[in-house]
Amino acid sequence: MINNDMINRLKKAAGYQKQAIRALLPEGMGSHLDVIEGEVKEMVAELISAHCPHNREEDGKTSEGVKKVNID
């Protein structure tokens, strides 16, 4: 089983990977990467939502009664 220390180390390594990719690209591309990252996160959230129907209801509220609000 993975412990919290390992999870923190993996997150730190992922941050270094992100910095390395940005260092290889021209400076002006950082904002493009931010947009792409946001889109990928939304895609993953939609995939999870589509495959975990017990976490959502038809009226846009989660099973905990919290309404999802999209901010664009």
N, C-alpha and C. Protein backbone atom coordinates (compact mmCIF):
# COMPACT_ATOMS: atom_id res chain seq x y z
N MET A 1 0.85 -1.18 0.00
CA MET A 1 0.00 0.00 0.00
C MET A 1 0.89 1.25 0.00
N ILE A 2 0.47 2.25 -0.72
CA ILE A 2 1.24 3.49 -0.81
C ILE A 2 0.91 4.38 0.39
N ASN A 3 1.93 4.87 1.06
CA ASN A 3 1.70 5.75 2.21
C ASN A 3 1.74 7.21 1.79
N ASN A 4 1.42 8.08 2.74
CA ASN A 4 1.36 9.52 2.45
C ASN A 4 2.70 10.08 2.01
N ASP A 5 3.78 9.58 2.58
CA ASP A 5 5.11 10.06 2.20
C ASP A 5 5.37 9.78 0.72
N MET A 6 5.02 8.59 0.28
CA MET A 6 5.21 8.24 -1.13
C MET A 6 4.34 9.10 -2.04
N ILE A 7 3.12 9.34 -1.64
CA ILE A 7 2.23 10.20 -2.44
C ILE A 7 2.82 11.60 -2.56
N ASN A 8 3.32 12.13 -1.45
CA ASN A 8 3.92 13.47 -1.48
C ASN A 8 5.15 13.50 -2.39
N ARG A 9 5.97 12.45 -2.34
CA ARG A 9 7.14 12.38 -3.20
C ARG A 9 6.76 12.29 -4.67
N LEU A 10 5.69 11.54 -4.97
CA LEU A 10 5.21 11.44 -6.36
C LEU A 10 4.70 12.80 -6.86
N LYS A 11 3.99 13.52 -5.99
CA LYS A 11 3.50 14.86 -6.37
C LYS A 11 4.66 15.81 -6.63
N LYS A 12 5.68 15.73 -5.79
CA LYS A 12 6.85 16.58 -5.96
C LYS A 12 7.55 16.26 -7.27
N ALA A 13 7.69 14.96 -7.58
CA ALA A 13 8.32 14.54 -8.84
C ALA A 13 7.51 15.03 -10.04
N ALA A 14 6.19 14.97 -9.94
CA ALA A 14 5.33 15.45 -11.03
C ALA A 14 5.53 16.95 -11.23
N GLY A 15 5.70 17.69 -10.14
CA GLY A 15 5.96 19.13 -10.24
C GLY A 15 7.28 19.40 -10.95
N TYR A 16 8.29 18.60 -10.66
CA TYR A 16 9.58 18.75 -11.34
C TYR A 16 9.45 18.44 -12.84
N GLN A 17 8.65 17.43 -13.16
CA GLN A 17 8.43 17.10 -14.57
C GLN A 17 7.77 18.27 -15.30
N LYS A 18 6.80 18.87 -14.64
CA LYS A 18 6.10 20.02 -15.23
C LYS A 18 7.08 21.17 -15.48
N GLN A 19 7.95 21.44 -14.51
CA GLN A 19 8.96 22.49 -14.66
C GLN A 19 9.92 22.17 -15.80
N ALA A 20 10.30 20.90 -15.93
CA ALA A 20 11.23 20.50 -16.98
C ALA A 20 10.62 20.71 -18.37
N ILE A 21 9.37 20.35 -18.52
CA ILE A 21 8.70 20.53 -19.81
C ILE A 21 8.62 22.02 -20.16
N ARG A 22 8.24 22.83 -19.17
CA ARG A 22 8.16 24.28 -19.41
C ARG A 22 9.52 24.87 -19.75
N ALA A 23 10.59 24.34 -19.16
CA ALA A 23 11.94 24.85 -19.43
C ALA A 23 12.36 24.54 -20.86
N LEU A 24 11.85 23.49 -21.44
CA LEU A 24 12.22 23.11 -22.80
C LEU A 24 11.50 23.93 -23.87
N LEU A 25 10.37 24.52 -23.52
CA LEU A 25 9.56 25.25 -24.48
C LEU A 25 9.82 26.76 -24.38
N PRO A 26 9.53 27.50 -25.45
CA PRO A 26 9.68 28.95 -25.39
C PRO A 26 8.78 29.55 -24.30
N GLU A 27 9.22 30.68 -23.74
CA GLU A 27 8.50 31.30 -22.63
C GLU A 27 7.02 31.57 -22.91
N GLY A 28 6.69 31.99 -24.09
CA GLY A 28 5.31 32.34 -24.42
C GLY A 28 4.35 31.17 -24.43
N MET A 29 4.84 29.97 -24.35
CA MET A 29 3.96 28.81 -24.42
C MET A 29 3.39 28.42 -23.06
N GLY A 30 3.83 29.05 -22.00
CA GLY A 30 3.34 28.71 -20.66
C GLY A 30 1.84 28.85 -20.53
N SER A 31 1.30 29.92 -21.10
CA SER A 31 -0.15 30.12 -21.00
C SER A 31 -0.91 29.05 -21.80
N HIS A 32 -0.33 28.61 -22.91
CA HIS A 32 -0.96 27.54 -23.69
C HIS A 32 -0.98 26.25 -22.87
N LEU A 33 0.12 25.97 -22.17
CA LEU A 33 0.18 24.77 -21.34
C LEU A 33 -0.85 24.83 -20.21
N ASP A 34 -1.07 26.02 -19.65
CA ASP A 34 -2.07 26.17 -18.60
C ASP A 34 -3.46 25.81 -19.12
N VAL A 35 -3.77 26.29 -20.33
CA VAL A 35 -5.07 25.99 -20.94
C VAL A 35 -5.21 24.49 -21.21
N ILE A 36 -4.17 23.90 -21.77
CA ILE A 36 -4.20 22.47 -22.07
C ILE A 36 -4.37 21.66 -20.78
N GLU A 37 -3.64 22.05 -19.75
CA GLU A 37 -3.74 21.35 -18.46
C GLU A 37 -5.16 21.41 -17.91
N GLY A 38 -5.77 22.58 -18.00
CA GLY A 38 -7.15 22.73 -17.54
C GLY A 38 -8.11 21.86 -18.31
N GLU A 39 -7.93 21.81 -19.62
CA GLU A 39 -8.80 20.99 -20.47
C GLU A 39 -8.64 19.51 -20.14
N VAL A 40 -7.41 19.07 -19.93
CA VAL A 40 -7.18 17.65 -19.60
C VAL A 40 -7.82 17.32 -18.26
N LYS A 41 -7.71 18.22 -17.30
CA LYS A 41 -8.34 17.98 -16.00
C LYS A 41 -9.85 17.85 -16.14
N GLU A 42 -10.45 18.70 -16.96
CA GLU A 42 -11.89 18.63 -17.19
C GLU A 42 -12.28 17.32 -17.87
N MET A 43 -11.45 16.88 -18.83
CA MET A 43 -11.72 15.63 -19.52
C MET A 43 -11.68 14.44 -18.55
N VAL A 44 -10.69 14.44 -17.67
CA VAL A 44 -10.57 13.36 -16.69
C VAL A 44 -11.77 13.39 -15.75
N ALA A 45 -12.18 14.57 -15.31
CA ALA A 45 -13.34 14.68 -14.43
C ALA A 45 -14.60 14.16 -15.12
N GLU A 46 -14.76 14.47 -16.40
CA GLU A 46 -15.92 13.99 -17.14
C GLU A 46 -15.89 12.47 -17.30
N LEU A 47 -14.71 11.92 -17.55
CA LEU A 47 -14.58 10.47 -17.66
C LEU A 47 -14.93 9.78 -16.35
N ILE A 48 -14.44 10.33 -15.26
CA ILE A 48 -14.75 9.76 -13.95
C ILE A 48 -16.24 9.85 -13.68
N SER A 49 -16.81 11.00 -13.98
CA SER A 49 -18.24 11.20 -13.77
C SER A 49 -19.07 10.22 -14.60
N ALA A 50 -18.64 9.99 -15.84
CA ALA A 50 -19.38 9.10 -16.72
C ALA A 50 -19.32 7.65 -16.26
N HIS A 51 -18.24 7.28 -15.61
CA HIS A 51 -18.06 5.90 -15.19
C HIS A 51 -18.38 5.66 -13.73
N CYS A 52 -18.79 6.70 -13.03
CA CYS A 52 -19.18 6.57 -11.62
C CYS A 52 -20.53 7.24 -11.42
N PRO A 53 -21.59 6.67 -12.00
CA PRO A 53 -22.90 7.33 -11.94
C PRO A 53 -23.46 7.44 -10.52
N HIS A 54 -22.98 6.64 -9.58
CA HIS A 54 -23.49 6.73 -8.22
C HIS A 54 -23.05 8.01 -7.51
N ASN A 55 -22.13 8.76 -8.10
CA ASN A 55 -21.66 10.02 -7.51
C ASN A 55 -22.44 11.23 -7.99
N ARG A 56 -23.41 11.02 -8.85
CA ARG A 56 -24.16 12.17 -9.36
C ARG A 56 -25.63 11.82 -9.50
N GLU A 57 -26.45 12.85 -9.59
CA GLU A 57 -27.88 12.67 -9.80
C GLU A 57 -28.30 13.51 -10.98
N GLU A 58 -29.49 13.29 -11.48
CA GLU A 58 -29.97 13.96 -12.69
C GLU A 58 -30.11 15.47 -12.53
N ASP A 59 -30.37 15.97 -11.33
CA ASP A 59 -30.61 17.40 -11.16
C ASP A 59 -29.32 18.21 -11.01
N GLY A 60 -28.17 17.58 -11.24
CA GLY A 60 -26.92 18.30 -11.16
C GLY A 60 -26.33 18.34 -9.77
N LYS A 61 -26.95 17.66 -8.83
CA LYS A 61 -26.43 17.62 -7.47
C LYS A 61 -25.73 16.28 -7.24
N THR A 62 -24.71 16.30 -6.44
CA THR A 62 -24.05 15.06 -6.08
C THR A 62 -24.88 14.35 -5.02
N SER A 63 -24.52 13.12 -4.72
CA SER A 63 -25.26 12.36 -3.72
C SER A 63 -25.17 13.00 -2.35
N GLU A 64 -24.19 13.86 -2.12
CA GLU A 64 -24.05 14.55 -0.85
C GLU A 64 -24.92 15.81 -0.78
N GLY A 65 -25.61 16.15 -1.87
CA GLY A 65 -26.48 17.31 -1.90
C GLY A 65 -25.78 18.60 -2.29
N VAL A 66 -24.54 18.53 -2.75
CA VAL A 66 -23.81 19.71 -3.16
C VAL A 66 -24.01 19.91 -4.65
N LYS A 67 -24.42 21.10 -5.04
CA LYS A 67 -24.66 21.36 -6.45
C LYS A 67 -23.35 21.73 -7.15
N LYS A 68 -23.09 21.12 -8.30
CA LYS A 68 -21.90 21.41 -9.08
C LYS A 68 -22.12 22.69 -9.88
N VAL A 69 -21.14 23.59 -9.83
CA VAL A 69 -21.20 24.85 -10.57
C VAL A 69 -19.94 24.94 -11.42
N ASN A 70 -20.11 25.08 -12.74
CA ASN A 70 -18.97 25.23 -13.64
C ASN A 70 -18.59 26.70 -13.75
N ILE A 71 -17.32 26.98 -13.59
CA ILE A 71 -16.82 28.36 -13.73
C ILE A 71 -15.91 28.38 -14.94
N ASP A 72 -16.27 29.16 -15.93
CA ASP A 72 -15.48 29.22 -17.17
C ASP A 72 -14.65 30.46 -17.22
